[in-house]
């Protein structure tokens, strides 16, 4: 499993670098978290990279916190 995790890290890091390059004025923080694009939202382009980093940091133990449904009263 760990070879696959480490293999996935390289392309995800390349995507992160490319996203950073695209954030120049007036698009500063364009791809960062907002009230619409939360950390675990499918609309967050950093989600896969952040999940992989969290998985590596906890050595494969635990689980990710899932986002609850968005709607009235939330």
C-alpha atoms as a PDB file:
ATOM      1  CA  UNK A   1       0.000   0.000   0.000  1.00  0.00           C
ATOM      2  CA  UNK A   2       2.717   2.512   0.895  1.00  0.00           C
ATOM      3  CA  UNK A   3       4.412   2.352  -2.523  1.00  0.00           C
ATOM      4  CA  UNK A   4       1.076   3.374  -4.078  1.00  0.00           C
ATOM      5  CA  UNK A   5       0.662   6.186  -1.558  1.00  0.00           C
ATOM      6  CA  UNK A   6       4.123   7.519  -2.317  1.00  0.00           C
ATOM      7  CA  UNK A   7       3.533   7.085  -6.040  1.00  0.00           C
ATOM      8  CA  UNK A   8       0.358   9.214  -5.802  1.00  0.00           C
ATOM      9  CA  UNK A   9       2.183  11.970  -3.933  1.00  0.00           C
ATOM     10  CA  UNK A  10       4.357  13.140  -6.840  1.00  0.00           C
ATOM     11  CA  UNK A  11       1.575  14.034  -9.308  1.00  0.00           C
ATOM     12  CA  UNK A  12      -0.505  15.603  -6.535  1.00  0.00           C
ATOM     13  CA  UNK A  13       2.450  17.780  -5.532  1.00  0.00           C
ATOM     14  CA  UNK A  14       2.835  18.827  -9.173  1.00  0.00           C
ATOM     15  CA  UNK A  15      -0.822  19.867  -9.262  1.00  0.00           C
ATOM     16  CA  UNK A  16      -0.359  21.876  -6.048  1.00  0.00           C
ATOM     17  CA  UNK A  17       2.615  23.699  -7.552  1.00  0.00           C
ATOM     18  CA  UNK A  18       0.618  24.457 -10.696  1.00  0.00           C
ATOM     19  CA  UNK A  19      -2.290  25.801  -8.629  1.00  0.00           C
ATOM     20  CA  UNK A  20       0.125  28.080  -6.746  1.00  0.00           C
ATOM     21  CA  UNK A  21       1.498  29.387 -10.035  1.00  0.00           C
ATOM     22  CA  UNK A  22      -2.017  30.271 -11.207  1.00  0.00           C
ATOM     23  CA  UNK A  23      -2.779  32.380  -8.139  1.00  0.00           C
ATOM     24  CA  UNK A  24      -1.453  35.751  -9.210  1.00  0.00           C
ATOM     25  CA  UNK A  25      -3.296  39.069  -8.814  1.00  0.00           C
ATOM     26  CA  UNK A  26      -6.219  39.490  -9.222  1.00  0.00           C
ATOM     27  CA  UNK A  27      -6.685  35.746  -8.584  1.00  0.00           C
ATOM     28  CA  UNK A  28      -4.962  35.594  -5.184  1.00  0.00           C
ATOM     29  CA  UNK A  29      -6.305  32.699  -3.085  1.00  0.00           C
ATOM     30  CA  UNK A  30      -8.578  31.722  -5.983  1.00  0.00           C
ATOM     31  CA  UNK A  31      -8.260  28.003  -5.248  1.00  0.00           C
ATOM     32  CA  UNK A  32      -8.223  28.221  -1.435  1.00  0.00           C
ATOM     33  CA  UNK A  33     -10.984  27.192   0.940  1.00  0.00           C
ATOM     34  CA  UNK A  34     -14.102  29.353   1.108  1.00  0.00           C
ATOM     35  CA  UNK A  35     -17.576  28.942   2.528  1.00  0.00           C
ATOM     36  CA  UNK A  36     -18.497  27.192  -0.738  1.00  0.00           C
ATOM     37  CA  UNK A  37     -15.273  25.210  -1.137  1.00  0.00           C
ATOM     38  CA  UNK A  38     -14.577  23.646   2.263  1.00  0.00           C
ATOM     39  CA  UNK A  39     -11.644  21.367   3.045  1.00  0.00           C
ATOM     40  CA  UNK A  40     -13.433  18.111   2.183  1.00  0.00           C
ATOM     41  CA  UNK A  41     -15.697  19.460  -0.553  1.00  0.00           C
ATOM     42  CA  UNK A  42     -15.483  17.828  -3.968  1.00  0.00           C
ATOM     43  CA  UNK A  43     -15.140  21.392  -5.299  1.00  0.00           C
ATOM     44  CA  UNK A  44     -11.835  21.863  -3.479  1.00  0.00           C
ATOM     45  CA  UNK A  45      -8.914  21.179  -5.847  1.00  0.00           C
ATOM     46  CA  UNK A  46      -6.591  20.664  -2.838  1.00  0.00           C
ATOM     47  CA  UNK A  47      -8.731  17.896  -1.298  1.00  0.00           C
ATOM     48  CA  UNK A  48      -6.817  14.897  -2.687  1.00  0.00           C
ATOM     49  CA  UNK A  49      -3.438  16.347  -1.755  1.00  0.00           C
ATOM     50  CA  UNK A  50      -4.607  17.287   1.750  1.00  0.00           C
ATOM     51  CA  UNK A  51      -6.152  13.839   2.282  1.00  0.00           C
ATOM     52  CA  UNK A  52      -2.960  12.134   1.162  1.00  0.00           C
ATOM     53  CA  UNK A  53      -0.832  14.288   3.468  1.00  0.00           C
ATOM     54  CA  UNK A  54      -3.170  13.547   6.391  1.00  0.00           C
ATOM     55  CA  UNK A  55      -3.028   9.814   5.619  1.00  0.00           C
ATOM     56  CA  UNK A  56       0.780   9.850   5.554  1.00  0.00           C
ATOM     57  CA  UNK A  57       0.976  11.952   8.741  1.00  0.00           C
ATOM     58  CA  UNK A  58      -1.207   9.518  10.710  1.00  0.00           C
ATOM     59  CA  UNK A  59       0.662   6.534   9.207  1.00  0.00           C
ATOM     60  CA  UNK A  60      -2.513   5.172   7.641  1.00  0.00           C
ATOM     61  CA  UNK A  61      -4.543   5.061  10.858  1.00  0.00           C
ATOM     62  CA  UNK A  62      -7.821   6.808  11.549  1.00  0.00           C
ATOM     63  CA  UNK A  63     -10.308   8.230   9.106  1.00  0.00           C
ATOM     64  CA  UNK A  64     -11.137  11.523   7.500  1.00  0.00           C
ATOM     65  CA  UNK A  65     -13.912  13.641   8.926  1.00  0.00           C
ATOM     66  CA  UNK A  66     -16.760  13.665   6.450  1.00  0.00           C
ATOM     67  CA  UNK A  67     -18.607  16.817   5.629  1.00  0.00           C
ATOM     68  CA  UNK A  68     -22.244  16.785   6.648  1.00  0.00           C
ATOM     69  CA  UNK A  69     -25.092  17.753   4.332  1.00  0.00           C
ATOM     70  CA  UNK A  70     -25.441  21.433   3.604  1.00  0.00           C
ATOM     71  CA  UNK A  71     -28.886  22.903   3.889  1.00  0.00           C
ATOM     72  CA  UNK A  72     -31.271  24.848   6.046  1.00  0.00           C
ATOM     73  CA  UNK A  73     -30.113  25.050   9.625  1.00  0.00           C
ATOM     74  CA  UNK A  74     -26.434  24.563   8.862  1.00  0.00           C
END
